[in-house]
C-alpha atoms as a PDB file:
ATOM      1  CA  MET A   1      -2.477 -14.342   9.027  1.00  0.00           C
ATOM      2  CA  LYS A   2      -0.688 -11.777   7.788  1.00  0.00           C
ATOM      3  CA  LEU A   3      -0.170  -8.158   7.386  1.00  0.00           C
ATOM      4  CA  VAL A   4       0.427  -6.761   3.224  1.00  0.00           C
ATOM      5  CA  ILE A   5       2.058  -3.662   3.320  1.00  0.00           C
ATOM      6  CA  ALA A   6       2.384  -1.663  -0.864  1.00  0.00           C
ATOM      7  CA  VAL A   7       3.676   1.710  -1.390  1.00  0.00           C
ATOM      8  CA  ILE A   8       1.876   2.982  -4.506  1.00  0.00           C
ATOM      9  CA  LYS A   9       1.854   6.032  -5.704  1.00  0.00           C
ATOM     10  CA  PRO A  10      -1.050   8.149  -5.688  1.00  0.00           C
ATOM     11  CA  PHE A  11      -2.850   8.012  -8.122  1.00  0.00           C
ATOM     12  CA  LYS A  12      -3.868   4.653  -7.626  1.00  0.00           C
ATOM     13  CA  LEU A  13      -5.341   4.678  -5.086  1.00  0.00           C
ATOM     14  CA  ASP A  14      -8.678   4.471  -6.319  1.00  0.00           C
ATOM     15  CA  GLU A  15      -7.980   1.783  -8.722  1.00  0.00           C
ATOM     16  CA  VAL A  16      -6.144  -0.093  -5.853  1.00  0.00           C
ATOM     17  CA  HIS A  17      -9.176   0.676  -3.551  1.00  0.00           C
ATOM     18  CA  GLN A  18     -11.728  -0.626  -5.972  1.00  0.00           C
ATOM     19  CA  ALA A  19      -9.692  -3.958  -7.200  1.00  0.00           C
ATOM     20  CA  LEU A  20      -9.414  -4.745  -3.246  1.00  0.00           C
ATOM     21  CA  THR A  21     -13.263  -4.221  -3.488  1.00  0.00           C
ATOM     22  CA  ARG A  22     -13.560  -6.753  -5.435  1.00  0.00           C
ATOM     23  CA  ILE A  23     -12.003  -9.276  -4.750  1.00  0.00           C
ATOM     24  CA  GLY A  24     -13.815  -8.842  -0.894  1.00  0.00           C
ATOM     25  CA  VAL A  25     -11.222  -6.842   1.242  1.00  0.00           C
ATOM     26  CA  SER A  26     -12.968  -5.198   3.738  1.00  0.00           C
ATOM     27  CA  GLY A  27     -10.211  -3.092   5.328  1.00  0.00           C
ATOM     28  CA  MET A  28      -7.684  -0.597   5.174  1.00  0.00           C
ATOM     29  CA  THR A  29      -5.710   1.850   6.744  1.00  0.00           C
ATOM     30  CA  VAL A  30      -4.239   4.480   3.884  1.00  0.00           C
ATOM     31  CA  THR A  31      -1.409   6.653   4.998  1.00  0.00           C
ATOM     32  CA  GLU A  32       0.496   9.087   2.909  1.00  0.00           C
ATOM     33  CA  VAL A  33       3.930   8.766   3.064  1.00  0.00           C
ATOM     34  CA  LYS A  34       7.581  10.633   1.765  1.00  0.00           C
ATOM     35  CA  GLY A  35      10.522   7.759   0.960  1.00  0.00           C
ATOM     36  CA  TYR A  36      12.642   7.068  -1.838  1.00  0.00           C
ATOM     37  CA  GLY A  37      13.981   3.981  -4.193  1.00  0.00           C
ATOM     38  CA  ARG A  38      15.294   3.840  -6.652  1.00  0.00           C
ATOM     39  CA  GLN A  39      14.669   6.747  -8.077  1.00  0.00           C
ATOM     40  CA  LYS A  40      16.240   8.316  -5.811  1.00  0.00           C
ATOM     41  CA  GLY A  41      13.986  11.898  -6.282  1.00  0.00           C
ATOM     42  CA  HIS A  42      15.117  13.892  -8.537  1.00  0.00           C
ATOM     43  CA  THR A  43      15.109  18.003  -9.640  1.00  0.00           C
ATOM     44  CA  GLU A  44      12.434  20.255 -10.284  1.00  0.00           C
ATOM     45  CA  ILE A  45      12.938  23.836 -11.053  1.00  0.00           C
ATOM     46  CA  TYR A  46      11.280  26.170  -8.850  1.00  0.00           C
ATOM     47  CA  ARG A  47      10.875  30.326  -9.847  1.00  0.00           C
ATOM     48  CA  GLY A  48      14.494  30.394 -11.588  1.00  0.00           C
ATOM     49  CA  ALA A  49      16.236  28.482  -9.184  1.00  0.00           C
ATOM     50  CA  GLU A  50      17.371  24.242  -9.529  1.00  0.00           C
ATOM     51  CA  TYR A  51      16.283  22.153  -6.145  1.00  0.00           C
ATOM     52  CA  ALA A  52      16.542  18.567  -5.643  1.00  0.00           C
ATOM     53  CA  VAL A  53      13.768  16.348  -4.166  1.00  0.00           C
ATOM     54  CA  SER A  54      14.891  13.645  -2.312  1.00  0.00           C
ATOM     55  CA  PHE A  55      11.919  12.038  -0.928  1.00  0.00           C
ATOM     56  CA  LEU A  56       8.526  11.658  -2.894  1.00  0.00           C
ATOM     57  CA  PRO A  57       4.806  11.135  -2.025  1.00  0.00           C
ATOM     58  CA  LYS A  58       3.273   8.081  -1.883  1.00  0.00           C
ATOM     59  CA  VAL A  59       1.018   6.102  -0.142  1.00  0.00           C
ATOM     60  CA  ARG A  60       1.025   3.061   2.225  1.00  0.00           C
ATOM     61  CA  ILE A  61      -1.357   0.422   1.978  1.00  0.00           C
ATOM     62  CA  ASP A  62      -2.415  -1.585   4.971  1.00  0.00           C
ATOM     63  CA  VAL A  63      -4.073  -4.428   5.008  1.00  0.00           C
ATOM     64  CA  ALA A  64      -4.953  -7.680   7.384  1.00  0.00           C
ATOM     65  CA  VAL A  65      -6.254 -10.531   5.738  1.00  0.00           C
ATOM     66  CA  PRO A  66      -6.053 -14.115   6.106  1.00  0.00           C
ATOM     67  CA  SER A  67      -3.409 -16.566   4.772  1.00  0.00           C
ATOM     68  CA  GLU A  68      -4.758 -18.478   2.891  1.00  0.00           C
ATOM     69  CA  GLN A  69      -6.332 -14.767   0.101  1.00  0.00           C
ATOM     70  CA  VAL A  70      -2.389 -12.903  -0.271  1.00  0.00           C
ATOM     71  CA  GLU A  71      -0.948 -13.963  -3.541  1.00  0.00           C
ATOM     72  CA  THR A  72      -5.122 -13.416  -4.554  1.00  0.00           C
ATOM     73  CA  VAL A  73      -4.324  -9.452  -2.898  1.00  0.00           C
ATOM     74  CA  ILE A  74      -0.622  -9.125  -4.242  1.00  0.00           C
ATOM     75  CA  GLU A  75      -1.958  -9.913  -7.639  1.00  0.00           C
ATOM     76  CA  ALA A  76      -4.983  -7.108  -6.994  1.00  0.00           C
ATOM     77  CA  ILE A  77      -2.769  -4.207  -5.766  1.00  0.00           C
ATOM     78  CA  SER A  78       0.036  -5.026  -8.421  1.00  0.00           C
ATOM     79  CA  ALA A  79      -2.415  -4.623 -11.309  1.00  0.00           C
ATOM     80  CA  ALA A  80      -3.815  -2.238 -10.834  1.00  0.00           C
ATOM     81  CA  ALA A  81      -1.111   0.226  -9.189  1.00  0.00           C
ATOM     82  CA  ARG A  82       1.201  -0.943 -11.697  1.00  0.00           C
ATOM     83  CA  THR A  83       2.118   2.298 -14.312  1.00  0.00           C
ATOM     84  CA  GLY A  84       5.000   0.369 -15.866  1.00  0.00           C
ATOM     85  CA  GLN A  85       7.654   3.472 -15.454  1.00  0.00           C
ATOM     86  CA  ILE A  86       9.813   3.670 -12.313  1.00  0.00           C
ATOM     87  CA  GLY A  87       8.345   4.414  -8.889  1.00  0.00           C
ATOM     88  CA  ASP A  88       5.482   1.507  -8.921  1.00  0.00           C
ATOM     89  CA  GLY A  89       6.157   1.114  -5.368  1.00  0.00           C
ATOM     90  CA  LYS A  90       6.479  -2.457  -3.578  1.00  0.00           C
ATOM     91  CA  ILE A  91       4.675  -4.546  -1.141  1.00  0.00           C
ATOM     92  CA  PHE A  92       5.700  -6.365   1.696  1.00  0.00           C
ATOM     93  CA  VAL A  93       4.373  -9.461   3.596  1.00  0.00           C
ATOM     94  CA  THR A  94       4.215 -10.137   7.386  1.00  0.00           C
ATOM     95  CA  ASP A  95       3.130 -11.868   9.816  1.00  0.00           C
ATOM     96  CA  ILE A  96      -0.031 -10.613  12.571  1.00  0.00           C
ATOM     97  CA  GLN A  97       0.958 -13.153  15.529  1.00  0.00           C
ATOM     98  CA  ARG A  98      -2.606 -11.611  16.893  1.00  0.00           C
ATOM     99  CA  ALA A  99      -5.462  -9.449  15.985  1.00  0.00           C
ATOM    100  CA  VAL A 100      -8.858  -8.157  17.982  1.00  0.00           C
ATOM    101  CA  ARG A 101     -11.712  -6.361  17.251  1.00  0.00           C
ATOM    102  CA  ILE A 102     -11.673  -3.690  20.193  1.00  0.00           C
ATOM    103  CA  ARG A 103     -15.254  -3.219  19.884  1.00  0.00           C
ATOM    104  CA  THR A 104     -16.213  -6.934  20.550  1.00  0.00           C
ATOM    105  CA  GLY A 105     -13.152  -8.031  22.163  1.00  0.00           C
ATOM    106  CA  GLU A 106     -13.144 -11.166  19.134  1.00  0.00           C
ATOM    107  CA  ALA A 107      -9.808 -12.071  18.152  1.00  0.00           C
ATOM    108  CA  ASP A 108      -7.424 -12.766  15.302  1.00  0.00           C
ATOM    109  CA  ALA A 109      -9.306 -14.330  12.148  1.00  0.00           C
ATOM    110  CA  GLU A 110     -12.936 -12.929  13.422  1.00  0.00           C
ATOM    111  CA  ALA A 111     -11.146  -9.634  13.827  1.00  0.00           C
ATOM    112  CA  LEU A 112     -10.733  -9.482   9.917  1.00  0.00           C
END
């Protein structure tokens, strides 16, 4: 089992959700986050004053999937979230040691 974590631009969330649903992903967790990478934020002007915006709004998606499905999930997220502009985001994959569905007590792959 793997946990796929994607940090994407907020306006791409619906497209990523639809892409994951099409490939059979049955659940995900979505969190509004702020951060920066190579783009290092930007400057904005508000009421004539310029100020730096260091942390940009992003959306973090967590998806737990069987190991065999990881590449398909990465491809779906990448294709749906890509704009070709700086700040499109990142995808991280990590191992899941154990998963338990609280309601039924099912464990590991059955809990997904």
